[in-house]
Amino acid sequence: MWEDDVIYRAMELDPELFQIVYLDVLAGRKKKQVLLTAMARIDQYLDEHYKAHLKPLLALLKKANRVMPLSEISDHFAYSQVYLWHIEAACEWLERKGRLQKFSSPFKLTKRSLEEVEEPAYFLEA
């Protein structure tokens, strides 16, 4: 399976990281401390590398230089291999870390809707 190849390649590139977040978690019972350690290490990794991994999203928000609704962001990535829930999770993580500002934006459920609902919208200060 190709997933195995990716995991083994990742373990070669960063054995310390994958020992904590993959091998330790798989070995034996799921103890709370093992999971907390893995989650803390993942968060540390993301803090260090988010600019590289989220470059397309950050570039879009920087170029727009305005509040962008989540639906508009997802439309931009509609023909890529990025899923809406990945975009939303990335935006929420960036907002929790103070790297994006979160707002709400009016949104019509259909083109003919008379009523609007609110959806998340994000702004990246340049």
N, C-alpha and C. Protein backbone atom coordinates (compact mmCIF):
# COMPACT_ATOMS: atom_id res chain seq x y z
N MET A 1 0.83 -1.20 0.00
CA MET A 1 0.00 0.00 0.00
C MET A 1 0.86 1.25 0.00
N TRP A 2 0.40 2.26 -0.68
CA TRP A 2 1.18 3.49 -0.74
C TRP A 2 1.23 4.22 0.60
N GLU A 3 0.21 4.01 1.48
CA GLU A 3 0.23 4.65 2.79
C GLU A 3 1.44 4.19 3.60
N ASP A 4 1.78 2.91 3.49
CA ASP A 4 2.94 2.38 4.20
C ASP A 4 4.21 3.07 3.73
N ASP A 5 4.34 3.27 2.43
CA ASP A 5 5.51 3.94 1.88
C ASP A 5 5.65 5.36 2.44
N VAL A 6 4.53 6.06 2.55
CA VAL A 6 4.55 7.43 3.06
C VAL A 6 4.96 7.45 4.52
N ILE A 7 4.42 6.55 5.31
CA ILE A 7 4.76 6.48 6.74
C ILE A 7 6.25 6.17 6.91
N TYR A 8 6.76 5.17 6.18
CA TYR A 8 8.18 4.82 6.32
C TYR A 8 9.08 5.97 5.86
N ARG A 9 8.68 6.66 4.82
CA ARG A 9 9.46 7.81 4.34
C ARG A 9 9.46 8.92 5.39
N ALA A 10 8.31 9.17 5.99
CA ALA A 10 8.21 10.19 7.04
C ALA A 10 9.07 9.82 8.24
N MET A 11 9.09 8.54 8.60
CA MET A 11 9.91 8.09 9.73
C MET A 11 11.39 8.26 9.43
N GLU A 12 11.78 8.10 8.17
CA GLU A 12 13.18 8.34 7.79
C GLU A 12 13.53 9.82 7.89
N LEU A 13 12.61 10.68 7.49
CA LEU A 13 12.89 12.12 7.47
C LEU A 13 12.91 12.75 8.86
N ASP A 14 12.04 12.27 9.75
CA ASP A 14 11.98 12.84 11.11
C ASP A 14 11.66 11.73 12.10
N PRO A 15 12.66 10.90 12.42
CA PRO A 15 12.39 9.75 13.28
C PRO A 15 11.91 10.13 14.68
N GLU A 16 12.40 11.21 15.24
CA GLU A 16 11.98 11.63 16.59
C GLU A 16 10.50 11.99 16.61
N LEU A 17 10.07 12.75 15.62
CA LEU A 17 8.66 13.15 15.54
C LEU A 17 7.76 11.93 15.39
N PHE A 18 8.09 11.05 14.46
CA PHE A 18 7.21 9.91 14.21
C PHE A 18 7.30 8.82 15.28
N GLN A 19 8.37 8.81 16.03
CA GLN A 19 8.41 7.93 17.20
C GLN A 19 7.32 8.35 18.19
N ILE A 20 7.22 9.66 18.42
CA ILE A 20 6.27 10.18 19.41
C ILE A 20 4.83 10.13 18.89
N VAL A 21 4.61 10.61 17.66
CA VAL A 21 3.23 10.77 17.19
C VAL A 21 2.67 9.54 16.49
N TYR A 22 3.50 8.56 16.17
CA TYR A 22 3.01 7.39 15.46
C TYR A 22 3.33 6.10 16.20
N LEU A 23 4.60 5.79 16.37
CA LEU A 23 4.98 4.51 16.96
C LEU A 23 4.57 4.39 18.42
N ASP A 24 4.82 5.44 19.21
CA ASP A 24 4.45 5.39 20.63
C ASP A 24 2.93 5.26 20.80
N VAL A 25 2.18 5.91 19.94
CA VAL A 25 0.72 5.85 20.03
C VAL A 25 0.22 4.45 19.65
N LEU A 26 0.84 3.83 18.67
CA LEU A 26 0.41 2.50 18.24
C LEU A 26 0.83 1.39 19.20
N ALA A 27 1.91 1.62 19.92
CA ALA A 27 2.44 0.58 20.81
C ALA A 27 1.61 0.46 22.07
N GLY A 28 1.01 -0.69 22.27
CA GLY A 28 0.29 -0.95 23.52
C GLY A 28 -0.99 -0.16 23.68
N ARG A 29 -1.40 -0.05 24.96
CA ARG A 29 -2.65 0.63 25.29
C ARG A 29 -2.49 2.13 25.12
N LYS A 30 -3.58 2.79 24.84
CA LYS A 30 -3.60 4.23 24.64
C LYS A 30 -3.68 4.92 26.00
N LYS A 31 -2.54 5.24 26.55
CA LYS A 31 -2.50 5.92 27.83
C LYS A 31 -2.62 7.42 27.60
N LYS A 32 -3.27 8.05 28.53
CA LYS A 32 -3.53 9.48 28.40
C LYS A 32 -2.25 10.27 28.18
N GLN A 33 -1.21 9.98 28.92
CA GLN A 33 0.04 10.74 28.81
C GLN A 33 0.69 10.56 27.44
N VAL A 34 0.61 9.37 26.87
CA VAL A 34 1.17 9.13 25.54
C VAL A 34 0.43 9.98 24.51
N LEU A 35 -0.89 10.01 24.61
CA LEU A 35 -1.68 10.81 23.66
C LEU A 35 -1.45 12.30 23.85
N LEU A 36 -1.37 12.75 25.11
CA LEU A 36 -1.10 14.17 25.36
C LEU A 36 0.28 14.58 24.84
N THR A 37 1.26 13.72 25.02
CA THR A 37 2.61 13.99 24.50
C THR A 37 2.59 14.08 22.98
N ALA A 38 1.90 13.15 22.33
CA ALA A 38 1.81 13.16 20.87
C ALA A 38 1.11 14.43 20.37
N MET A 39 0.03 14.80 21.02
CA MET A 39 -0.71 16.00 20.59
C MET A 39 0.14 17.26 20.80
N ALA A 40 0.88 17.33 21.89
CA ALA A 40 1.75 18.48 22.15
C ALA A 40 2.86 18.56 21.11
N ARG A 41 3.40 17.40 20.73
CA ARG A 41 4.47 17.38 19.72
C ARG A 41 3.94 17.77 18.35
N ILE A 42 2.74 17.34 18.01
CA ILE A 42 2.12 17.74 16.74
C ILE A 42 1.91 19.25 16.72
N ASP A 43 1.42 19.80 17.81
CA ASP A 43 1.20 21.24 17.89
C ASP A 43 2.53 22.00 17.75
N GLN A 44 3.58 21.48 18.38
CA GLN A 44 4.90 22.11 18.26
C GLN A 44 5.38 22.06 16.81
N TYR A 45 5.20 20.91 16.17
CA TYR A 45 5.61 20.77 14.77
C TYR A 45 4.87 21.77 13.89
N LEU A 46 3.57 21.88 14.10
CA LEU A 46 2.78 22.83 13.31
C LEU A 46 3.23 24.27 13.55
N ASP A 47 3.51 24.61 14.80
CA ASP A 47 4.02 25.95 15.10
C ASP A 47 5.29 26.26 14.32
N GLU A 48 6.14 25.26 14.19
CA GLU A 48 7.42 25.45 13.50
C GLU A 48 7.30 25.44 11.98
N HIS A 49 6.31 24.73 11.44
CA HIS A 49 6.27 24.50 9.99
C HIS A 49 4.99 24.95 9.30
N TYR A 50 4.12 25.66 9.98
CA TYR A 50 2.83 26.00 9.38
C TYR A 50 2.97 26.83 8.11
N LYS A 51 3.96 27.70 8.04
CA LYS A 51 4.11 28.55 6.85
C LYS A 51 4.35 27.72 5.59
N ALA A 52 5.10 26.66 5.71
CA ALA A 52 5.37 25.80 4.55
C ALA A 52 4.14 24.96 4.20
N HIS A 53 3.49 24.39 5.21
CA HIS A 53 2.36 23.49 4.95
C HIS A 53 1.10 24.24 4.55
N LEU A 54 0.94 25.46 5.00
CA LEU A 54 -0.28 26.24 4.70
C LEU A 54 0.00 27.39 3.72
N LYS A 55 1.08 27.29 2.99
CA LYS A 55 1.50 28.35 2.07
C LYS A 55 0.40 28.77 1.09
N PRO A 56 -0.29 27.84 0.41
CA PRO A 56 -1.33 28.27 -0.53
C PRO A 56 -2.46 29.06 0.15
N LEU A 57 -2.89 28.60 1.31
CA LEU A 57 -3.95 29.30 2.05
C LEU A 57 -3.48 30.67 2.51
N LEU A 58 -2.29 30.74 3.08
CA LEU A 58 -1.76 32.02 3.55
C LEU A 58 -1.54 33.00 2.40
N ALA A 59 -1.08 32.49 1.25
CA ALA A 59 -0.87 33.35 0.07
C ALA A 59 -2.20 33.91 -0.43
N LEU A 60 -3.23 33.08 -0.46
CA LEU A 60 -4.55 33.55 -0.90
C LEU A 60 -5.06 34.66 0.02
N LEU A 61 -4.99 34.44 1.32
CA LEU A 61 -5.49 35.43 2.27
C LEU A 61 -4.66 36.71 2.23
N LYS A 62 -3.36 36.58 2.04
CA LYS A 62 -2.49 37.77 1.95
C LYS A 62 -2.81 38.57 0.69
N LYS A 63 -2.97 37.87 -0.43
CA LYS A 63 -3.27 38.54 -1.69
C LYS A 63 -4.63 39.24 -1.63
N ALA A 64 -5.61 38.60 -1.03
CA ALA A 64 -6.96 39.18 -0.95
C ALA A 64 -6.95 40.43 -0.08
N ASN A 65 -6.21 40.39 1.01
CA ASN A 65 -6.09 41.53 1.93
C ASN A 65 -7.46 42.08 2.36
N ARG A 66 -8.36 41.15 2.66
CA ARG A 66 -9.71 41.51 3.12
C ARG A 66 -10.29 40.31 3.86
N VAL A 67 -11.40 40.52 4.50
CA VAL A 67 -12.09 39.42 5.16
C VAL A 67 -12.64 38.50 4.07
N MET A 68 -12.29 37.22 4.13
CA MET A 68 -12.75 36.24 3.13
C MET A 68 -13.63 35.20 3.80
N PRO A 69 -14.86 35.04 3.32
CA PRO A 69 -15.74 33.99 3.84
C PRO A 69 -15.17 32.61 3.53
N LEU A 70 -15.46 31.66 4.40
CA LEU A 70 -14.98 30.30 4.22
C LEU A 70 -15.45 29.72 2.89
N SER A 71 -16.67 30.03 2.47
CA SER A 71 -17.18 29.50 1.20
C SER A 71 -16.33 30.01 0.02
N GLU A 72 -15.90 31.24 0.08
CA GLU A 72 -15.06 31.79 -0.99
C GLU A 72 -13.67 31.15 -0.99
N ILE A 73 -13.13 30.94 0.19
CA ILE A 73 -11.83 30.26 0.29
C ILE A 73 -11.95 28.85 -0.26
N SER A 74 -13.00 28.14 0.12
CA SER A 74 -13.17 26.76 -0.36
C SER A 74 -13.42 26.73 -1.87
N ASP A 75 -14.13 27.72 -2.41
CA ASP A 75 -14.32 27.79 -3.86
C ASP A 75 -12.98 27.93 -4.58
N HIS A 76 -12.09 28.70 -3.99
CA HIS A 76 -10.76 28.89 -4.59
C HIS A 76 -10.02 27.56 -4.71
N PHE A 77 -10.17 26.71 -3.71
CA PHE A 77 -9.46 25.43 -3.69
C PHE A 77 -10.32 24.27 -4.21
N ALA A 78 -11.45 24.57 -4.82
CA ALA A 78 -12.41 23.54 -5.22
C ALA A 78 -11.82 22.51 -6.18
N TYR A 79 -10.90 22.90 -7.02
CA TYR A 79 -10.36 21.96 -8.00
C TYR A 79 -8.98 21.46 -7.61
N SER A 80 -8.65 21.61 -6.35
CA SER A 80 -7.39 21.07 -5.84
C SER A 80 -7.71 19.82 -5.03
N GLN A 81 -6.71 19.25 -4.42
CA GLN A 81 -6.95 18.07 -3.60
C GLN A 81 -7.07 18.44 -2.13
N VAL A 82 -7.49 19.67 -1.87
CA VAL A 82 -7.69 20.14 -0.50
C VAL A 82 -9.19 20.09 -0.21
N TYR A 83 -9.56 19.46 0.88
CA TYR A 83 -10.97 19.33 1.24
C TYR A 83 -11.40 20.51 2.11
N LEU A 84 -12.68 20.83 2.02
CA LEU A 84 -13.23 21.95 2.78
C LEU A 84 -12.93 21.82 4.26
N TRP A 85 -13.11 20.64 4.83
CA TRP A 85 -12.89 20.49 6.27
C TRP A 85 -11.42 20.66 6.64
N HIS A 86 -10.49 20.41 5.69
CA HIS A 86 -9.08 20.67 5.95
C HIS A 86 -8.83 22.17 5.98
N ILE A 87 -9.46 22.89 5.06
CA ILE A 87 -9.31 24.35 5.03
C ILE A 87 -9.88 24.96 6.30
N GLU A 88 -11.06 24.51 6.67
CA GLU A 88 -11.69 25.03 7.88
C GLU A 88 -10.84 24.73 9.11
N ALA A 89 -10.32 23.52 9.21
CA ALA A 89 -9.47 23.16 10.34
C ALA A 89 -8.20 24.01 10.37
N ALA A 90 -7.61 24.25 9.22
CA ALA A 90 -6.41 25.08 9.15
C ALA A 90 -6.71 26.51 9.58
N CYS A 91 -7.82 27.06 9.10
CA CYS A 91 -8.21 28.42 9.48
C CYS A 91 -8.48 28.52 10.98
N GLU A 92 -9.16 27.53 11.52
CA GLU A 92 -9.46 27.53 12.95
C GLU A 92 -8.19 27.41 13.78
N TRP A 93 -7.25 26.59 13.35
CA TRP A 93 -5.99 26.45 14.06
C TRP A 93 -5.22 27.77 14.01
N LEU A 94 -5.15 28.39 12.83
CA LEU A 94 -4.46 29.68 12.69
C LEU A 94 -5.12 30.75 13.56
N GLU A 95 -6.43 30.72 13.65
CA GLU A 95 -7.14 31.69 14.48
C GLU A 95 -6.85 31.46 15.96
N ARG A 96 -6.86 30.21 16.39
CA ARG A 96 -6.53 29.89 17.79
C ARG A 96 -5.12 30.32 18.16
N LYS A 97 -4.22 30.26 17.19
CA LYS A 97 -2.83 30.64 17.42
C LYS A 97 -2.62 32.16 17.27
N GLY A 98 -3.68 32.89 16.92
CA GLY A 98 -3.58 34.34 16.79
C GLY A 98 -2.96 34.79 15.48
N ARG A 99 -2.93 33.93 14.49
CA ARG A 99 -2.32 34.27 13.20
C ARG A 99 -3.34 34.73 12.17
N LEU A 100 -4.62 34.48 12.44
CA LEU A 100 -5.73 34.96 11.62
C LEU A 100 -6.76 35.58 12.55
N GLN A 101 -7.54 36.49 12.00
CA GLN A 101 -8.69 37.00 12.74
C GLN A 101 -9.93 36.34 12.16
N LYS A 102 -10.86 35.99 13.04
CA LYS A 102 -12.09 35.33 12.62
C LYS A 102 -13.25 36.30 12.76
N PHE A 103 -14.07 36.33 11.72
CA PHE A 103 -15.27 37.16 11.69
C PHE A 103 -16.43 36.28 11.24
N SER A 104 -17.58 36.89 11.09
CA SER A 104 -18.69 36.18 10.46
C SER A 104 -19.09 36.99 9.24
N SER A 105 -19.68 36.29 8.29
CA SER A 105 -20.06 36.91 7.03
C SER A 105 -21.44 36.39 6.64
N PRO A 106 -22.30 37.26 6.11
CA PRO A 106 -23.62 36.78 5.68
C PRO A 106 -23.49 35.83 4.48
N PHE A 107 -24.38 34.84 4.46
CA PHE A 107 -24.30 33.81 3.43
C PHE A 107 -25.71 33.34 3.12
N LYS A 108 -26.05 33.29 1.82
CA LYS A 108 -27.35 32.76 1.41
C LYS A 108 -27.19 31.27 1.11
N LEU A 109 -28.11 30.48 1.64
CA LEU A 109 -28.03 29.04 1.45
C LEU A 109 -28.26 28.65 0.00
N THR A 110 -29.08 29.40 -0.72
CA THR A 110 -29.28 29.19 -2.15
C THR A 110 -29.27 30.56 -2.82
N LYS A 111 -29.17 30.57 -4.13
CA LYS A 111 -29.15 31.85 -4.85
C LYS A 111 -30.45 32.62 -4.67
N ARG A 112 -31.55 31.91 -4.46
CA ARG A 112 -32.86 32.56 -4.31
C ARG A 112 -33.27 32.81 -2.87
N SER A 113 -32.41 32.45 -1.93
CA SER A 113 -32.75 32.62 -0.51
C SER A 113 -33.01 34.08 -0.19
N LEU A 114 -34.03 34.31 0.59
CA LEU A 114 -34.29 35.66 1.08
C LEU A 114 -33.57 35.90 2.40
N GLU A 115 -33.42 34.85 3.16
CA GLU A 115 -32.76 34.96 4.46
C GLU A 115 -31.28 34.62 4.32
N GLU A 116 -30.49 35.27 5.15
CA GLU A 116 -29.07 34.98 5.19
C GLU A 116 -28.71 34.33 6.52
N VAL A 117 -27.70 33.51 6.49
CA VAL A 117 -27.14 32.92 7.69
C VAL A 117 -25.70 33.42 7.80
N GLU A 118 -25.08 33.17 8.92
CA GLU A 118 -23.70 33.60 9.11
C GLU A 118 -22.75 32.43 8.86
N GLU A 119 -21.62 32.72 8.25
CA GLU A 119 -20.58 31.73 8.06
C GLU A 119 -19.26 32.32 8.53
N PRO A 120 -18.30 31.49 8.89
CA PRO A 120 -17.00 32.01 9.31
C PRO A 120 -16.29 32.70 8.16
N ALA A 121 -15.56 33.73 8.50
CA ALA A 121 -14.74 34.46 7.55
C ALA A 121 -13.43 34.81 8.24
N TYR A 122 -12.37 34.93 7.46
CA TYR A 122 -11.05 35.09 8.04
C TYR A 122 -10.29 36.23 7.39
N PHE A 123 -9.41 36.82 8.18
CA PHE A 123 -8.57 37.93 7.70
C PHE A 123 -7.15 37.72 8.19
N LEU A 124 -6.20 37.87 7.27
CA LEU A 124 -4.78 37.76 7.60
C LEU A 124 -4.18 39.16 7.53
N GLU A 125 -3.71 39.64 8.66
CA GLU A 125 -3.06 40.95 8.67
C GLU A 125 -1.68 40.80 8.04
N ALA A 126 -1.39 41.64 7.07
CA ALA A 126 -0.09 41.56 6.37
C ALA A 126 1.02 42.17 7.19
